[in-house]
Amino acid sequence: MILLLLVLGITLSLPVVQTRIGVYVTDMLRKDYKADINVEQVAVSIFGGVKLKKVTIRDHHQFTMISAKSIKTNVLSFEKLYNGDLLFGEIRIDSLFFNLKTYKGENDSNIGKFATLFDSGKPSTKPFLLKSKNVYLTNSSFLLSDENSKTPKQLEFKNLNIETSNFKIDGPEVTTNILKMSFLDHRGIAVTDLKTNFTYTLKHIKLEQLNIITKNSNFNGTALLNYNVKDFADFNNKVEFDITIDSASIASNDIRYFYKELGINQHFNIKSNIKGTLNNLFFFKLDLVDQNNSKINGTINFKNLLGTATQPFSLKGNFNKIASNYNSLRVLLPNLLGKKLPISLKKLGQFELRGKTEITTSSVAADFYVTTSLGNLQSNLKMTNMDHIDHATYKGNLILENFKIGKFLGKKDLDYVTLNFDIDGKGFELKNLNT
């Protein structure tokens, strides 16, 4: 018996035998499922080990959908394998390439169409089950694209390396503990380490105990994406986010890979609960402190951060506290707002603000109380024509308390003023003031 097992093991290790098994497996899959799958070699050990070499799966357009240099695993139960349950000890995949693509004029992705090849049309008596103690991916890449979108390349990870435990596919649901993950995103940001408890269903993706580290940033919290499958065609407007940031230290240079409107070389610590779609995003209980000690505390709603030409940007804020100065606030805000702050705000020095505001690219509605180095002021104003800030118009109520109006206007013959008045005019500098 031992001699028989030894001879069998030696035979299965011969390249010519492995190639023949690979040809047999390939022919069987093509014949039974009409699937374009090619496996050059299959090595099977008498102890349950299986190794597939040079695996290629082509989609219905004859382009490579999945390929791998090698896939190694060990089968824990051949009896359960025969009955349809795939139970593996560990899976090691080297140089995986996964090309998930939706072609022009088609609604289903290539992997969706591929899956239909295995649909017999008969109801399944049991859900698909695959379990592995550990899964390792090395030197891999992932590409997600949709030729029906304005930006076909939606996601691309290179230099992808993953180590997971308790990997499980139960019907349409996937769960695993990602112990370590690193990759280079096609926009340029490199994630050096990502850890999370991962869950995927047809309705949501959940990332619990999420920790992300890049060269300049780190993030700790949880993330939940809620959706219907069709929502991904309009990701920015339909996929719902629910993110809790327990603690994060973020570099603006990392955010700029996705959103160019932030200033360069900025750094801030943040806590918040973020909800909504990318184009209607709420920051609840926001607590932000930047490198210049500017502070923002409150609730902010960003609309159309990634909007089209027909989706104008706007911001609504209800602030318990904003502590900053002109220079710090100018670089902290997105460029389309920061560059429109009137230069005269420099004269206020360090200020602290509380209240409500609504900002668009051309107008500001502000109902707030501010303490500044020149004195205190309270305003309920609507400002327009912000595209030409020095000629912006304003209308509303303004209260000044022991305010150094002369220093603000550059007039030495004016000093402290306390007043309460309704205002209707334009201009912030004396040379173009008409109010």
Protein backbone atom coordinates (compact mmCIF):
# COMPACT_ATOMS: atom_id res chain seq x y z
CA MET A 1 0.00 0.00 0.00
CA ILE A 2 2.81 2.39 0.93
CA LEU A 3 4.66 1.46 -2.28
CA LEU A 4 1.48 2.13 -4.30
CA LEU A 5 1.07 5.59 -2.74
CA LEU A 6 4.74 6.35 -3.40
CA VAL A 7 4.46 5.38 -7.06
CA LEU A 8 1.23 7.41 -7.36
CA GLY A 9 2.88 10.46 -5.79
CA ILE A 10 5.89 10.25 -8.12
CA THR A 11 3.63 9.80 -11.15
CA LEU A 12 1.49 12.83 -10.28
CA SER A 13 4.61 14.99 -9.90
CA LEU A 14 5.79 14.30 -13.48
CA PRO A 15 5.34 17.38 -15.75
CA VAL A 16 3.95 15.24 -18.59
CA VAL A 17 1.25 13.84 -16.30
CA GLN A 18 0.44 17.30 -14.89
CA THR A 19 0.10 18.66 -18.43
CA ARG A 20 -2.22 15.80 -19.42
CA ILE A 21 -4.39 16.45 -16.36
CA GLY A 22 -4.46 20.17 -17.26
CA VAL A 23 -5.61 19.36 -20.81
CA TYR A 24 -8.27 17.01 -19.44
CA VAL A 25 -9.61 19.61 -16.98
CA THR A 26 -9.64 22.31 -19.68
CA ASP A 27 -11.46 20.09 -22.20
CA MET A 28 -14.00 19.03 -19.57
CA LEU A 29 -14.86 22.63 -18.60
CA ARG A 30 -15.14 23.72 -22.22
CA LYS A 31 -17.33 20.76 -23.13
CA ASP A 32 -19.62 20.83 -20.11
CA TYR A 33 -20.00 24.59 -19.62
CA LYS A 34 -18.78 26.17 -22.89
CA ALA A 35 -16.39 28.18 -20.69
CA ASP A 36 -13.11 29.46 -22.14
CA ILE A 37 -10.86 28.22 -19.32
CA ASN A 38 -7.33 27.07 -19.86
CA VAL A 39 -5.17 25.31 -17.24
CA GLU A 40 -1.71 24.37 -18.51
CA GLN A 41 -0.81 22.03 -15.64
CA VAL A 42 -2.57 20.43 -12.69
CA ALA A 43 -0.54 18.83 -9.91
CA VAL A 44 -2.35 16.66 -7.35
CA SER A 45 -0.62 15.12 -4.35
CA ILE A 46 -1.77 12.02 -2.50
CA PHE A 47 -2.16 14.17 0.63
CA GLY A 48 -4.82 16.45 -0.87
CA GLY A 49 -2.59 19.17 -2.30
CA VAL A 50 -3.65 20.73 -5.61
CA LYS A 51 -1.63 23.15 -7.73
CA LEU A 52 -2.88 24.80 -10.91
CA LYS A 53 -0.28 26.44 -13.16
CA LYS A 54 -0.87 29.19 -15.72
CA VAL A 55 -4.64 29.51 -15.40
CA THR A 56 -6.46 31.75 -17.91
CA ILE A 57 -10.17 32.52 -18.15
CA ARG A 58 -11.40 34.58 -21.12
CA ASP A 59 -14.69 36.43 -21.23
CA HIS A 60 -17.36 36.46 -23.95
CA HIS A 61 -15.28 38.96 -25.96
CA GLN A 62 -12.24 36.68 -25.80
CA PHE A 63 -10.29 39.04 -23.55
CA THR A 64 -8.56 37.82 -20.40
CA MET A 65 -10.93 38.11 -17.45
CA ILE A 66 -8.93 36.14 -14.86
CA SER A 67 -5.43 34.78 -14.98
CA ALA A 68 -2.95 33.46 -12.44
CA LYS A 69 0.59 32.19 -12.59
CA SER A 70 -0.20 29.56 -9.98
CA ILE A 71 -2.97 28.57 -7.56
CA LYS A 72 -2.06 26.24 -4.70
CA THR A 73 -4.36 24.74 -2.10
CA ASN A 74 -5.06 21.59 -0.11
CA VAL A 75 -8.46 19.91 -0.05
CA LEU A 76 -9.68 19.13 3.47
CA SER A 77 -12.45 16.75 2.44
CA PHE A 78 -12.77 15.01 -0.93
CA GLU A 79 -16.15 13.66 0.19
CA LYS A 80 -17.51 17.18 0.73
CA LEU A 81 -15.83 18.29 -2.50
CA TYR A 82 -17.76 15.56 -4.34
CA ASN A 83 -20.98 16.84 -2.75
CA GLY A 84 -20.28 20.41 -3.87
CA ASP A 85 -18.72 22.00 -0.78
CA LEU A 86 -15.24 23.42 -1.36
CA LEU A 87 -13.34 23.18 1.93
CA PHE A 88 -9.67 24.17 1.72
CA GLY A 89 -6.91 24.55 4.28
CA GLU A 90 -5.19 27.52 2.65
CA ILE A 91 -5.16 29.03 -0.81
CA ARG A 92 -2.10 30.73 -2.30
CA ILE A 93 -2.48 32.63 -5.57
CA ASP A 94 0.47 34.24 -7.32
CA SER A 95 0.21 36.96 -10.01
CA LEU A 96 -3.58 37.04 -10.12
CA PHE A 97 -5.12 39.40 -12.68
CA PHE A 98 -8.85 40.07 -12.32
CA ASN A 99 -10.37 42.20 -15.08
CA LEU A 100 -13.97 43.03 -14.10
CA LYS A 101 -15.43 44.82 -17.10
CA THR A 102 -18.76 45.97 -18.52
CA TYR A 103 -18.59 46.40 -22.28
CA LYS A 104 -20.14 49.22 -24.32
CA GLY A 105 -23.88 48.74 -24.76
CA GLU A 106 -24.09 45.89 -22.22
CA ASN A 107 -25.72 45.91 -18.78
CA ASP A 108 -24.03 42.87 -17.23
CA SER A 109 -20.34 42.64 -16.40
CA ASN A 110 -18.16 39.96 -17.97
CA ILE A 111 -18.11 38.01 -14.71
CA GLY A 112 -21.92 38.13 -14.62
CA LYS A 113 -22.17 36.71 -18.11
CA PHE A 114 -19.54 34.12 -17.25
CA ALA A 115 -21.55 32.97 -14.22
CA THR A 116 -24.58 32.24 -16.42
CA LEU A 117 -22.57 29.50 -18.17
CA PHE A 118 -22.82 27.44 -14.98
CA ASP A 119 -26.57 28.01 -14.56
CA SER A 120 -28.36 24.78 -15.44
CA GLY A 121 -31.76 26.45 -15.29
CA LYS A 122 -32.77 24.15 -12.45
CA PRO A 123 -33.19 25.45 -8.90
CA SER A 124 -30.21 24.63 -6.72
CA THR A 125 -30.81 22.21 -3.86
CA LYS A 126 -28.08 23.88 -1.76
CA PRO A 127 -26.14 27.16 -1.82
CA PHE A 128 -22.59 27.31 -3.11
CA LEU A 129 -20.09 26.99 -0.26
CA LEU A 130 -16.35 27.69 -0.30
CA LYS A 131 -14.27 27.98 2.87
CA SER A 132 -10.56 28.46 3.42
CA LYS A 133 -8.58 28.88 6.61
CA ASN A 134 -6.23 31.39 4.93
CA VAL A 135 -5.99 33.04 1.52
CA TYR A 136 -2.80 34.70 0.25
CA LEU A 137 -2.56 36.86 -2.88
CA THR A 138 0.87 38.03 -4.09
CA ASN A 139 2.00 40.26 -6.99
CA SER A 140 -1.59 40.64 -8.15
CA SER A 141 -3.77 43.28 -9.81
CA PHE A 142 -7.44 44.20 -10.09
CA LEU A 143 -9.16 46.31 -12.75
CA LEU A 144 -12.78 47.55 -12.64
CA SER A 145 -14.06 49.32 -15.75
CA ASP A 146 -17.32 50.25 -17.45
CA GLU A 147 -17.22 51.38 -21.08
CA ASN A 148 -20.69 52.93 -20.66
CA SER A 149 -19.35 55.43 -18.11
CA LYS A 150 -17.77 58.84 -18.79
CA THR A 151 -14.70 57.59 -16.94
CA PRO A 152 -14.41 53.93 -18.02
CA LYS A 153 -11.56 53.06 -15.62
CA GLN A 154 -13.22 53.16 -12.21
CA LEU A 155 -10.73 51.26 -10.10
CA GLU A 156 -7.32 49.71 -10.62
CA PHE A 157 -5.07 48.18 -7.98
CA LYS A 158 -1.51 47.13 -8.81
CA ASN A 159 1.13 45.50 -6.60
CA LEU A 160 -1.79 43.92 -4.77
CA ASN A 161 -0.87 41.69 -1.84
CA ILE A 162 -3.46 40.28 0.56
CA GLU A 163 -3.42 37.98 3.56
CA THR A 164 -6.79 36.87 4.97
CA SER A 165 -8.18 34.37 7.46
CA ASN A 166 -11.55 32.60 7.70
CA PHE A 167 -12.41 33.21 4.05
CA LYS A 168 -15.96 32.10 3.24
CA ILE A 169 -18.28 32.30 0.25
CA ASP A 170 -21.77 31.15 1.25
CA GLY A 171 -24.13 31.60 -1.68
CA PRO A 172 -23.87 35.29 -2.72
CA GLU A 173 -22.24 36.40 0.56
CA VAL A 174 -18.52 36.76 1.18
CA THR A 175 -16.89 37.20 4.60
CA THR A 176 -13.24 37.26 5.64
CA ASN A 177 -10.79 38.88 8.03
CA ILE A 178 -8.25 40.89 6.03
CA LEU A 179 -5.10 40.67 8.12
CA LYS A 180 -2.92 42.69 5.75
CA MET A 181 -3.50 44.30 2.39
CA SER A 182 -1.32 46.63 0.32
CA PHE A 183 -1.74 48.07 -3.18
CA LEU A 184 -1.06 50.99 -5.49
CA ASP A 185 -4.21 52.76 -6.73
CA HIS A 186 -4.19 53.96 -10.35
CA ARG A 187 -4.65 57.57 -9.19
CA GLY A 188 -1.29 57.33 -7.42
CA ILE A 189 -2.00 56.74 -3.74
CA ALA A 190 -0.22 53.75 -2.17
CA VAL A 191 -1.89 51.92 0.72
CA THR A 192 0.86 50.24 2.72
CA ASP A 193 -1.40 48.37 5.13
CA LEU A 194 -5.14 47.79 5.37
CA LYS A 195 -6.86 45.62 7.97
CA THR A 196 -10.59 44.97 8.39
CA ASN A 197 -13.35 42.44 8.98
CA PHE A 198 -14.92 42.33 5.52
CA THR A 199 -18.50 41.39 4.56
CA TYR A 200 -20.06 41.52 1.09
CA THR A 201 -23.74 40.88 0.30
CA LEU A 202 -26.04 41.85 -2.56
CA LYS A 203 -27.16 44.86 -0.49
CA HIS A 204 -24.08 46.13 1.32
CA ILE A 205 -20.33 46.06 1.85
CA LYS A 206 -19.22 46.29 5.47
CA LEU A 207 -15.69 47.07 6.68
CA GLU A 208 -15.54 46.72 10.46
CA GLN A 209 -12.51 47.54 12.62
CA LEU A 210 -11.05 49.23 9.56
CA ASN A 211 -7.47 50.45 9.76
CA ILE A 212 -5.77 52.07 6.75
CA ILE A 213 -2.18 53.30 6.61
CA THR A 214 -0.49 55.23 3.80
CA LYS A 215 2.86 57.01 3.79
CA ASN A 216 1.25 60.22 5.09
CA SER A 217 -2.12 59.24 6.63
CA ASN A 218 -3.86 56.75 8.87
CA PHE A 219 -7.52 55.95 9.51
CA ASN A 220 -9.38 54.00 12.19
CA GLY A 221 -13.12 53.35 12.11
CA THR A 222 -15.84 51.47 10.24
CA ALA A 223 -17.34 51.82 6.78
CA LEU A 224 -20.66 50.63 5.39
CA LEU A 225 -21.83 50.94 1.76
CA ASN A 226 -25.53 50.33 1.09
CA TYR A 227 -26.76 49.81 -2.46
CA ASN A 228 -28.76 47.92 -5.01
CA VAL A 229 -26.56 46.27 -7.64
CA LYS A 230 -27.75 48.71 -10.35
CA ASP A 231 -26.69 51.68 -8.21
CA PHE A 232 -23.03 51.22 -9.18
CA ALA A 233 -23.85 52.61 -12.64
CA ASP A 234 -24.45 55.98 -10.88
CA PHE A 235 -22.04 55.50 -7.98
CA ASN A 236 -21.64 59.17 -6.99
CA ASN A 237 -25.38 59.76 -6.61
CA LYS A 238 -26.85 56.43 -5.48
CA VAL A 239 -24.44 54.37 -3.36
CA GLU A 240 -25.02 55.29 0.31
CA PHE A 241 -22.06 55.64 2.70
CA ASP A 242 -22.15 55.30 6.47
CA ILE A 243 -18.62 55.87 7.83
CA THR A 244 -17.55 56.31 11.42
CA ILE A 245 -14.12 57.91 11.86
CA ASP A 246 -12.96 57.04 15.36
CA SER A 247 -9.60 58.70 14.75
CA ALA A 248 -7.74 59.72 11.63
CA SER A 249 -4.68 61.74 10.69
CA ILE A 250 -5.13 62.78 7.07
CA ALA A 251 -2.76 64.45 4.61
CA SER A 252 -4.41 66.68 2.00
CA ASN A 253 -1.94 65.33 -0.58
CA ASP A 254 -3.59 61.90 -0.21
CA ILE A 255 -7.08 63.36 -0.68
CA ARG A 256 -5.90 65.28 -3.74
CA TYR A 257 -5.49 61.99 -5.61
CA PHE A 258 -9.31 61.89 -5.60
CA TYR A 259 -10.31 65.55 -5.13
CA LYS A 260 -7.95 68.21 -6.48
CA GLU A 261 -9.66 71.19 -4.80
CA LEU A 262 -7.83 70.85 -1.47
CA GLY A 263 -4.58 72.73 -0.87
CA ILE A 264 -1.24 70.91 -0.93
CA ASN A 265 0.89 69.87 2.05
CA GLN A 266 -1.89 70.25 4.62
CA HIS A 267 -2.45 67.85 7.49
CA PHE A 268 -5.36 67.47 9.91
CA ASN A 269 -6.78 65.20 12.57
CA ILE A 270 -10.46 64.35 12.27
CA LYS A 271 -13.33 62.53 13.95
CA SER A 272 -16.81 62.35 12.45
CA ASN A 273 -19.76 60.25 11.31
CA ILE A 274 -20.15 60.54 7.54
CA LYS A 275 -23.43 59.62 5.85
CA GLY A 276 -24.97 59.99 2.39
CA THR A 277 -23.85 59.69 -1.22
CA LEU A 278 -20.65 61.25 -2.55
CA ASN A 279 -22.73 64.07 -4.06
CA ASN A 280 -24.86 64.61 -0.93
CA LEU A 281 -22.50 63.95 1.96
CA PHE A 282 -23.10 64.84 5.61
CA PHE A 283 -20.34 65.16 8.22
CA PHE A 284 -22.07 64.79 11.59
CA LYS A 285 -20.29 65.65 14.87
CA LEU A 286 -17.27 66.83 12.88
CA ASP A 287 -14.20 67.53 15.01
CA LEU A 288 -11.26 68.71 12.89
CA VAL A 289 -7.93 70.26 13.87
CA ASP A 290 -5.30 71.14 11.26
CA GLN A 291 -1.53 71.66 11.47
CA ASN A 292 -2.02 75.40 12.04
CA ASN A 293 -4.35 74.70 14.98
CA SER A 294 -7.46 75.76 13.06
CA LYS A 295 -10.49 73.99 14.52
CA ILE A 296 -13.87 73.11 13.04
CA ASN A 297 -16.63 71.59 15.15
CA GLY A 298 -20.18 71.04 13.89
CA THR A 299 -22.21 69.49 11.07
CA ILE A 300 -21.51 70.06 7.36
CA ASN A 301 -23.43 68.99 4.27
CA PHE A 302 -21.45 68.95 0.99
CA LYS A 303 -23.52 68.76 -2.19
CA ASN A 304 -22.05 67.79 -5.56
CA LEU A 305 -18.42 67.51 -4.49
CA LEU A 306 -18.00 65.34 -7.59
CA GLY A 307 -20.87 66.86 -9.52
CA THR A 308 -21.17 67.45 -13.24
CA ALA A 309 -21.61 70.83 -14.94
CA THR A 310 -25.34 70.60 -14.18
CA GLN A 311 -24.71 69.77 -10.50
CA PRO A 312 -23.41 72.97 -8.85
CA PHE A 313 -21.42 72.71 -5.62
CA SER A 314 -22.87 73.92 -2.32
CA LEU A 315 -22.07 73.65 1.39
CA LYS A 316 -24.33 74.01 4.41
CA GLY A 317 -22.79 74.22 7.86
CA ASN A 318 -24.08 74.42 11.41
CA PHE A 319 -20.99 75.19 13.46
CA ASN A 320 -20.48 75.06 17.19
CA LYS A 321 -17.01 76.47 16.63
CA ILE A 322 -14.64 77.54 13.89
CA ALA A 323 -11.33 78.89 15.15
CA SER A 324 -8.90 80.04 12.47
CA ASN A 325 -7.46 83.01 10.56
CA TYR A 326 -7.54 84.10 6.94
CA ASN A 327 -4.36 82.32 5.79
CA SER A 328 -5.17 79.03 7.54
CA LEU A 329 -8.83 79.01 6.46
CA ARG A 330 -7.92 79.79 2.86
CA VAL A 331 -5.80 76.63 2.52
CA LEU A 332 -8.11 74.49 4.66
CA LEU A 333 -11.18 75.12 2.49
CA PRO A 334 -11.53 73.69 -1.02
CA ASN A 335 -9.97 75.99 -3.65
CA LEU A 336 -13.33 76.94 -5.12
CA LEU A 337 -14.18 78.51 -1.72
CA GLY A 338 -10.81 79.42 -0.20
CA LYS A 339 -9.73 81.50 -3.19
CA LYS A 340 -12.91 83.58 -2.90
CA LEU A 341 -12.41 84.74 0.67
CA PRO A 342 -12.07 88.57 0.67
CA ILE A 343 -8.51 89.70 1.41
CA SER A 344 -9.88 92.12 4.01
CA LEU A 345 -10.56 89.16 6.32
CA LYS A 346 -6.80 89.12 6.99
CA LYS A 347 -7.31 92.19 9.20
CA LEU A 348 -9.53 90.22 11.57
CA GLY A 349 -6.54 88.19 12.76
CA GLN A 350 -7.37 85.04 14.71
CA PHE A 351 -11.14 84.65 14.97
CA GLU A 352 -13.66 82.28 16.50
CA LEU A 353 -17.06 81.76 14.91
CA ARG A 354 -20.29 79.95 15.72
CA GLY A 355 -23.51 79.82 13.71
CA LYS A 356 -24.93 78.70 10.37
CA THR A 357 -23.80 79.27 6.83
CA GLU A 358 -24.75 78.23 3.30
CA ILE A 359 -22.15 78.59 0.57
CA THR A 360 -22.27 78.12 -3.19
CA THR A 361 -19.66 79.02 -5.79
CA SER A 362 -21.22 82.50 -6.15
CA SER A 363 -23.05 83.26 -2.88
CA VAL A 364 -22.78 83.06 0.91
CA ALA A 365 -25.61 83.19 3.45
CA ALA A 366 -24.21 83.65 6.97
CA ASP A 367 -25.96 83.80 10.32
CA PHE A 368 -23.19 83.73 12.93
CA TYR A 369 -21.39 85.40 15.84
CA VAL A 370 -17.65 86.06 15.57
CA THR A 371 -15.00 87.17 18.04
CA THR A 372 -11.91 88.67 16.39
CA SER A 373 -8.77 90.62 17.29
CA LEU A 374 -10.58 93.80 16.13
CA GLY A 375 -13.72 93.20 18.19
CA ASN A 376 -16.90 91.17 18.00
CA LEU A 377 -19.48 91.06 15.25
CA GLN A 378 -22.78 89.35 14.57
CA SER A 379 -24.22 89.03 11.10
CA ASN A 380 -27.24 87.74 9.25
CA LEU A 381 -26.15 88.46 5.71
CA LYS A 382 -26.63 87.17 2.18
CA MET A 383 -23.69 87.87 -0.12
CA THR A 384 -23.76 87.36 -3.89
CA ASN A 385 -21.46 87.95 -6.87
CA MET A 386 -18.73 86.06 -5.01
CA ASP A 387 -17.05 85.30 -8.34
CA HIS A 388 -15.75 88.90 -8.14
CA ILE A 389 -15.12 89.06 -4.41
CA ASP A 390 -14.00 92.70 -4.13
CA HIS A 391 -17.23 93.74 -5.84
CA ALA A 392 -19.49 91.25 -4.05
CA THR A 393 -22.92 92.50 -2.96
CA TYR A 394 -24.43 91.95 0.48
CA LYS A 395 -27.72 92.53 2.23
CA GLY A 396 -28.87 91.86 5.78
CA ASN A 397 -28.18 92.82 9.39
CA LEU A 398 -24.82 93.51 11.05
CA ILE A 399 -23.97 94.17 14.70
CA LEU A 400 -20.54 95.41 15.79
CA GLU A 401 -19.37 95.36 19.43
CA ASN A 402 -16.36 97.57 20.27
CA PHE A 403 -15.07 96.92 16.77
CA LYS A 404 -11.98 98.71 15.40
CA ILE A 405 -13.70 99.81 12.21
CA GLY A 406 -10.88 102.19 11.29
CA LYS A 407 -8.26 99.48 11.25
CA PHE A 408 -10.56 97.25 9.19
CA LEU A 409 -11.21 100.01 6.61
CA GLY A 410 -7.68 101.45 6.77
CA LYS A 411 -8.84 104.84 8.13
CA LYS A 412 -6.75 106.23 10.98
CA ASP A 413 -9.39 108.83 11.92
CA LEU A 414 -11.87 106.07 12.88
CA ASP A 415 -11.58 103.99 16.05
CA TYR A 416 -13.96 101.76 18.03
CA VAL A 417 -17.57 101.43 16.88
CA THR A 418 -20.56 99.74 18.47
CA LEU A 419 -23.62 99.65 16.22
CA ASN A 420 -26.58 97.64 14.97
CA PHE A 421 -27.78 98.31 11.43
CA ASP A 422 -29.33 96.84 8.31
CA ILE A 423 -26.94 96.93 5.37
CA ASP A 424 -27.38 96.85 1.60
CA GLY A 425 -24.38 97.42 -0.64
CA LYS A 426 -21.25 96.09 -2.30
CA GLY A 427 -17.49 96.08 -1.85
CA PHE A 428 -15.19 95.34 1.10
CA GLU A 429 -12.39 97.85 0.39
CA LEU A 430 -12.88 101.61 0.83
CA LYS A 431 -11.95 102.31 -2.81
CA ASN A 432 -14.89 100.33 -4.15
CA LEU A 433 -17.25 100.56 -1.19
CA ASN A 434 -20.83 101.54 -2.08
CA THR A 435 -23.19 100.74 0.76
